[in-house]
């Protein structure tokens, strides 16, 4: 085994295989204090508790037509998640907002995705936060692509996951430990479904792996499952706000059986917006086609998010 000095190690490190570099547009590491556009230098210390303990929080924010969508809603949720972990950023929150916009501008693209990671920071491989004198902050701009148009007409297929809904005390924290979400997604893939759904211990619907869900019930009410065991998504909350002018809305427990009797079943997320779920466990929802509410909310969401987005 070679033992290298710093310069030789750095040369070998930069020549090491690095999948996914084509997706990275620009990134910021607070320790360095500057934006970089060389993906091979996107490196996080392994002793950052963000890595080996999942002790950190994150947000994924979209920008489109040079407007950052729901920026302040995402920042508010990031702040709430960090507060739950007694975690403060290494800079004022107002500065963090400016840094996000700087990275988006540096990407040089009209649209993309931003990942904001706030971690406990480097300092050791133990479990105590006391090891980490300064928290870490990483902001990454990435290429993003929209779903094919046919997805919005064909819709997703969904299944029940064997992975239970997250515990209530963790449900409102968007933390970096996503192992249950990974297992849910892989389980759905192996079974041939697009979307996995989790349920709480009472059999009520919670959420998908990386998105919220809702249904239009038999009475025509847009129903979002209670957020007791699910993360309140910025997109689904905006959709509820917009839907109120078109139909009654409700947030309540949703037993699994209601999925089969729903007029429509919908998925809401930062990247896809609003997508219909047209089948569940192999059975069609209503007539198995995208419904009018899915079409309406997709359009109104897109218009509102662009109109209200923060310009670059």
Protein backbone atom coordinates (compact mmCIF):
# COMPACT_ATOMS: atom_id res chain seq x y z
CA UNK A 1 0.00 0.00 0.00
CA UNK A 2 1.40 3.38 -0.99
CA UNK A 3 1.84 6.07 1.64
CA UNK A 4 1.61 9.41 -0.13
CA UNK A 5 2.42 12.97 0.75
CA UNK A 6 -0.25 15.66 0.37
CA UNK A 7 0.51 16.63 -3.23
CA UNK A 8 0.68 13.05 -4.52
CA UNK A 9 -2.47 12.08 -2.64
CA UNK A 10 -4.35 15.09 -4.01
CA UNK A 11 -3.29 14.23 -7.56
CA UNK A 12 -4.51 10.65 -7.17
CA UNK A 13 -7.71 11.82 -5.50
CA UNK A 14 -8.57 14.15 -8.36
CA UNK A 15 -7.99 11.35 -10.86
CA UNK A 16 -10.14 8.86 -8.95
CA UNK A 17 -13.47 7.81 -10.53
CA UNK A 18 -16.28 10.20 -9.62
CA UNK A 19 -19.74 9.24 -10.93
CA UNK A 20 -22.31 11.99 -11.21
CA UNK A 21 -19.97 14.88 -11.88
CA UNK A 22 -21.92 15.87 -14.99
CA UNK A 23 -24.87 16.83 -12.77
CA UNK A 24 -22.93 19.32 -10.62
CA UNK A 25 -23.01 22.94 -11.77
CA UNK A 26 -21.55 24.84 -8.80
CA UNK A 27 -21.12 24.40 -5.07
CA UNK A 28 -20.21 26.26 -1.90
CA UNK A 29 -18.44 24.95 1.21
CA UNK A 30 -18.54 27.36 4.15
CA UNK A 31 -15.10 26.26 5.34
CA UNK A 32 -13.59 27.50 2.07
CA UNK A 33 -15.84 30.52 1.74
CA UNK A 34 -16.07 30.53 -2.05
CA UNK A 35 -18.04 28.99 -4.91
CA UNK A 36 -16.37 26.34 -7.08
CA UNK A 37 -17.47 24.82 -10.39
CA UNK A 38 -15.11 21.81 -10.49
CA UNK A 39 -17.24 18.81 -9.42
CA UNK A 40 -14.21 16.71 -8.46
CA UNK A 41 -13.56 19.11 -5.59
CA UNK A 42 -17.00 18.58 -4.06
CA UNK A 43 -15.65 16.77 -0.99
CA UNK A 44 -17.15 16.55 2.51
CA UNK A 45 -14.96 15.50 5.48
CA UNK A 46 -15.79 11.98 6.61
CA UNK A 47 -15.58 13.10 10.24
CA UNK A 48 -18.39 15.59 9.69
CA UNK A 49 -21.20 14.14 11.81
CA UNK A 50 -23.43 14.90 8.83
CA UNK A 51 -21.76 11.91 7.12
CA UNK A 52 -21.24 9.22 9.70
CA UNK A 53 -24.11 10.03 12.09
CA UNK A 54 -26.72 11.62 9.85
CA UNK A 55 -26.60 14.54 12.27
CA UNK A 56 -27.77 17.25 9.95
CA UNK A 57 -30.68 18.64 7.99
CA UNK A 58 -31.24 19.55 4.37
CA UNK A 59 -33.56 21.08 1.81
CA UNK A 60 -33.93 20.63 -1.93
CA UNK A 61 -35.02 23.78 -3.75
CA UNK A 62 -35.86 24.16 -7.43
CA UNK A 63 -35.17 27.16 -9.61
CA UNK A 64 -36.81 27.71 -12.97
CA UNK A 65 -36.68 30.58 -15.47
CA UNK A 66 -34.07 32.13 -13.15
CA UNK A 67 -36.50 32.24 -10.25
CA UNK A 68 -35.97 30.25 -7.04
CA UNK A 69 -39.23 28.57 -6.08
CA UNK A 70 -40.60 28.68 -2.53
CA UNK A 71 -37.21 29.80 -1.21
CA UNK A 72 -38.49 31.33 2.03
CA UNK A 73 -40.79 28.38 2.75
CA UNK A 74 -37.84 26.01 2.35
CA UNK A 75 -35.65 28.20 4.55
CA UNK A 76 -38.30 28.31 7.24
CA UNK A 77 -38.53 24.52 7.25
CA UNK A 78 -34.73 24.22 7.30
CA UNK A 79 -34.64 26.56 10.26
CA UNK A 80 -37.32 24.57 12.09
CA UNK A 81 -35.53 21.28 11.37
CA UNK A 82 -32.22 22.73 12.61
CA UNK A 83 -33.87 24.10 15.74
CA UNK A 84 -35.24 20.63 16.55
CA UNK A 85 -31.66 19.32 16.47
CA UNK A 86 -30.33 22.35 18.39
CA UNK A 87 -28.21 23.07 15.34
CA UNK A 88 -27.29 26.57 14.17
CA UNK A 89 -25.68 27.46 10.83
CA UNK A 90 -22.13 28.84 10.82
CA UNK A 91 -23.49 32.16 9.54
CA UNK A 92 -26.61 34.30 10.08
CA UNK A 93 -29.76 32.96 8.42
CA UNK A 94 -30.01 36.11 6.31
CA UNK A 95 -26.53 35.40 4.92
CA UNK A 96 -27.50 31.81 4.18
CA UNK A 97 -30.36 33.04 2.00
CA UNK A 98 -27.96 35.24 0.04
CA UNK A 99 -25.48 32.38 -0.37
CA UNK A 100 -28.19 30.16 -1.87
CA UNK A 101 -28.97 32.81 -4.47
CA UNK A 102 -25.25 33.28 -5.19
CA UNK A 103 -24.80 29.56 -5.91
CA UNK A 104 -27.89 29.48 -8.12
CA UNK A 105 -26.56 32.43 -10.11
CA UNK A 106 -23.13 30.82 -10.40
CA UNK A 107 -24.70 27.72 -11.96
CA UNK A 108 -25.20 29.70 -15.15
CA UNK A 109 -28.44 27.86 -15.98
CA UNK A 110 -32.07 28.93 -16.27
CA UNK A 111 -33.29 25.98 -14.22
CA UNK A 112 -31.86 23.46 -11.83
CA UNK A 113 -31.95 22.08 -8.33
CA UNK A 114 -30.27 23.33 -5.17
CA UNK A 115 -29.31 21.09 -2.26
CA UNK A 116 -28.66 22.87 1.05
CA UNK A 117 -26.96 20.73 3.69
CA UNK A 118 -26.48 21.95 7.26
CA UNK A 119 -24.48 19.54 9.40
CA UNK A 120 -23.08 19.27 12.89
CA UNK A 121 -19.63 19.73 11.41
CA UNK A 122 -16.30 17.91 11.41
CA UNK A 123 -14.44 17.08 14.58
CA UNK A 124 -14.48 13.34 15.31
CA UNK A 125 -16.16 9.98 14.87
CA UNK A 126 -18.03 9.92 18.15
CA UNK A 127 -21.67 10.71 18.72
CA UNK A 128 -21.48 13.81 20.89
CA UNK A 129 -22.11 17.17 19.20
CA UNK A 130 -19.45 18.57 21.52
CA UNK A 131 -16.82 17.11 19.16
CA UNK A 132 -17.80 19.63 16.49
CA UNK A 133 -16.81 23.23 17.23
CA UNK A 134 -18.37 24.71 14.08
CA UNK A 135 -21.36 23.49 12.07
CA UNK A 136 -20.97 22.76 8.37
CA UNK A 137 -22.80 24.26 5.41
CA UNK A 138 -22.80 23.01 1.83
CA UNK A 139 -24.88 24.39 -1.05
CA UNK A 140 -24.86 22.55 -4.37
CA UNK A 141 -26.48 23.54 -7.68
CA UNK A 142 -27.29 20.64 -9.98
CA UNK A 143 -28.82 20.00 -13.37
CA UNK A 144 -32.46 18.98 -13.20
CA UNK A 145 -34.84 17.71 -15.82
CA UNK A 146 -38.61 17.74 -15.87
CA UNK A 147 -40.64 14.56 -16.01
CA UNK A 148 -41.77 13.49 -19.49
CA UNK A 149 -45.15 14.95 -20.37
CA UNK A 150 -46.62 11.46 -20.69
CA UNK A 151 -46.02 10.92 -16.96
CA UNK A 152 -48.63 13.57 -16.18
CA UNK A 153 -51.21 11.79 -18.32
CA UNK A 154 -50.30 8.17 -17.60
CA UNK A 155 -49.58 8.78 -13.92
CA UNK A 156 -47.60 6.79 -11.37
CA UNK A 157 -48.28 3.35 -9.98
CA UNK A 158 -48.10 3.04 -6.19
CA UNK A 159 -47.76 0.28 -3.63
CA UNK A 160 -47.82 -0.20 0.12
CA UNK A 161 -44.34 -0.32 1.63
CA UNK A 162 -43.40 -2.69 4.41
CA UNK A 163 -41.34 0.15 5.90
CA UNK A 164 -43.50 1.93 8.50
CA UNK A 165 -44.07 5.67 8.61
CA UNK A 166 -41.44 7.64 10.44
CA UNK A 167 -41.77 8.21 14.18
CA UNK A 168 -43.74 11.31 15.05
CA UNK A 169 -40.84 13.06 16.81
CA UNK A 170 -38.76 12.78 13.62
CA UNK A 171 -41.54 13.40 11.10
CA UNK A 172 -41.16 17.19 11.05
CA UNK A 173 -37.37 17.14 10.85
CA UNK A 174 -35.97 16.91 7.32
CA UNK A 175 -32.82 15.19 8.47
CA UNK A 176 -30.08 13.57 6.43
CA UNK A 177 -30.76 10.03 7.64
CA UNK A 178 -32.85 8.79 4.71
CA UNK A 179 -32.27 5.05 5.06
CA UNK A 180 -36.00 4.24 5.46
CA UNK A 181 -36.72 6.26 2.32
CA UNK A 182 -34.00 4.38 0.44
CA UNK A 183 -35.44 1.03 1.53
CA UNK A 184 -38.96 2.10 0.53
CA UNK A 185 -37.80 3.18 -2.92
CA UNK A 186 -35.84 -0.01 -3.55
CA UNK A 187 -38.74 -2.16 -2.37
CA UNK A 188 -41.09 -0.44 -4.83
CA UNK A 189 -38.58 -0.83 -7.65
CA UNK A 190 -38.19 -4.54 -7.01
CA UNK A 191 -41.96 -4.97 -7.03
CA UNK A 192 -42.34 -3.03 -10.27
CA UNK A 193 -44.05 0.08 -8.87
CA UNK A 194 -43.14 3.75 -9.23
CA UNK A 195 -44.11 5.08 -5.80
CA UNK A 196 -43.94 3.47 -2.32
CA UNK A 197 -46.35 4.60 0.39
CA UNK A 198 -45.85 4.37 4.14
CA UNK A 199 -48.57 3.89 6.77
CA UNK A 200 -48.63 4.52 10.51
CA UNK A 201 -49.33 1.92 13.19
CA UNK A 202 -53.08 2.61 12.91
CA UNK A 203 -53.08 1.85 9.20
CA UNK A 204 -53.41 5.45 8.11
CA UNK A 205 -51.61 6.79 5.05
CA UNK A 206 -48.55 8.94 5.78
CA UNK A 207 -46.41 9.82 2.74
CA UNK A 208 -44.27 8.56 -0.10
CA UNK A 209 -40.50 8.15 0.08
CA UNK A 210 -39.64 11.68 -1.07
CA UNK A 211 -43.03 13.32 -1.59
CA UNK A 212 -46.42 13.96 -0.04
CA UNK A 213 -49.65 12.45 -1.28
CA UNK A 214 -53.28 13.50 -1.26
CA UNK A 215 -56.57 12.24 -2.61
CA UNK A 216 -59.85 13.60 -3.86
CA UNK A 217 -62.38 11.64 -1.81
CA UNK A 218 -65.83 10.42 -2.85
CA UNK A 219 -67.35 13.77 -1.79
CA UNK A 220 -64.92 15.78 -3.93
CA UNK A 221 -62.78 17.02 -1.02
CA UNK A 222 -59.03 17.33 -1.49
CA UNK A 223 -57.70 15.40 1.50
CA UNK A 224 -54.09 15.47 2.70
CA UNK A 225 -53.08 12.91 5.34
CA UNK A 226 -52.33 14.43 8.74
CA UNK A 227 -48.67 15.34 9.18
CA UNK A 228 -48.39 13.33 12.41
CA UNK A 229 -46.06 10.84 10.71
CA UNK A 230 -45.11 12.80 7.59
CA UNK A 231 -43.00 15.81 6.71
CA UNK A 232 -45.13 18.84 5.76
CA UNK A 233 -44.02 19.46 2.20
CA UNK A 234 -43.69 22.99 0.86
CA UNK A 235 -45.36 21.97 -2.40
CA UNK A 236 -48.37 20.20 -0.88
CA UNK A 237 -48.95 23.11 1.53
CA UNK A 238 -48.93 25.52 -1.41
CA UNK A 239 -51.29 23.23 -3.30
CA UNK A 240 -53.72 23.22 -0.37
CA UNK A 241 -53.65 27.00 -0.31
CA UNK A 242 -54.36 27.24 -4.03
CA UNK A 243 -57.00 24.49 -4.06
CA UNK A 244 -59.19 26.30 -1.52
CA UNK A 245 -60.50 28.61 -4.22
CA UNK A 246 -61.66 25.65 -6.32
CA UNK A 247 -62.83 22.95 -3.91
CA UNK A 248 -63.11 22.02 -0.23
CA UNK A 249 -59.86 20.85 1.39
CA UNK A 250 -59.11 18.87 4.53
CA UNK A 251 -56.21 17.47 6.52
CA UNK A 252 -57.22 14.32 8.41
CA UNK A 253 -56.37 10.62 8.90
CA UNK A 254 -56.71 8.61 5.68
CA UNK A 255 -57.31 4.85 6.06
CA UNK A 256 -55.88 2.69 3.30
CA UNK A 257 -59.34 1.73 2.06
CA UNK A 258 -60.06 5.30 1.02
CA UNK A 259 -57.40 5.06 -1.67
CA UNK A 260 -59.49 2.54 -3.59
CA UNK A 261 -62.64 4.70 -3.43
CA UNK A 262 -60.88 7.97 -4.28
CA UNK A 263 -61.82 10.00 -7.33
CA UNK A 264 -58.17 10.96 -7.74
CA UNK A 265 -54.88 10.19 -6.02
CA UNK A 266 -52.08 12.76 -6.23
CA UNK A 267 -48.37 13.09 -5.47
CA UNK A 268 -46.77 16.45 -4.59
CA UNK A 269 -43.05 17.19 -4.58
CA UNK A 270 -40.50 19.92 -5.18
CA UNK A 271 -39.32 18.58 -8.52
CA UNK A 272 -42.44 17.01 -10.08
CA UNK A 273 -45.02 19.46 -8.77
CA UNK A 274 -48.34 17.59 -8.93
CA UNK A 275 -48.47 14.14 -10.56
CA UNK A 276 -51.47 11.78 -10.63
CA UNK A 277 -51.20 8.32 -9.11
CA UNK A 278 -53.45 6.23 -11.32
CA UNK A 279 -53.14 2.80 -9.71
CA UNK A 280 -52.53 1.34 -6.25
CA UNK A 281 -51.34 -2.21 -5.69
CA UNK A 282 -52.24 -2.99 -9.29
CA UNK A 283 -55.81 -1.68 -9.05
CA UNK A 284 -56.81 1.46 -10.99
CA UNK A 285 -57.81 4.60 -9.12
CA UNK A 286 -61.27 5.52 -10.47
CA UNK A 287 -60.85 5.01 -14.24
CA UNK A 288 -57.06 4.71 -14.09
CA UNK A 289 -56.45 8.04 -15.82
CA UNK A 290 -55.29 11.50 -14.80
CA UNK A 291 -58.22 13.50 -13.43
CA UNK A 292 -59.22 17.17 -13.62
CA UNK A 293 -57.88 18.09 -10.16
CA UNK A 294 -54.41 16.79 -11.05
CA UNK A 295 -54.45 18.87 -14.23
CA UNK A 296 -55.75 21.96 -12.44
CA UNK A 297 -53.27 21.82 -9.56
CA UNK A 298 -50.33 21.12 -11.80
CA UNK A 299 -51.10 24.25 -13.81
CA UNK A 300 -51.97 26.54 -10.90
CA UNK A 301 -48.96 25.39 -8.89
CA UNK A 302 -46.58 26.08 -11.75
CA UNK A 303 -48.05 29.52 -12.40
CA UNK A 304 -48.01 30.53 -8.72
CA UNK A 305 -44.51 29.24 -8.03
CA UNK A 306 -43.02 31.09 -11.00
CA UNK A 307 -44.98 34.25 -10.25
CA UNK A 308 -43.92 34.29 -6.60
CA UNK A 309 -40.40 32.93 -7.10
CA UNK A 310 -37.32 34.84 -5.94
CA UNK A 311 -35.56 36.28 -9.03
CA UNK A 312 -31.87 35.66 -9.61
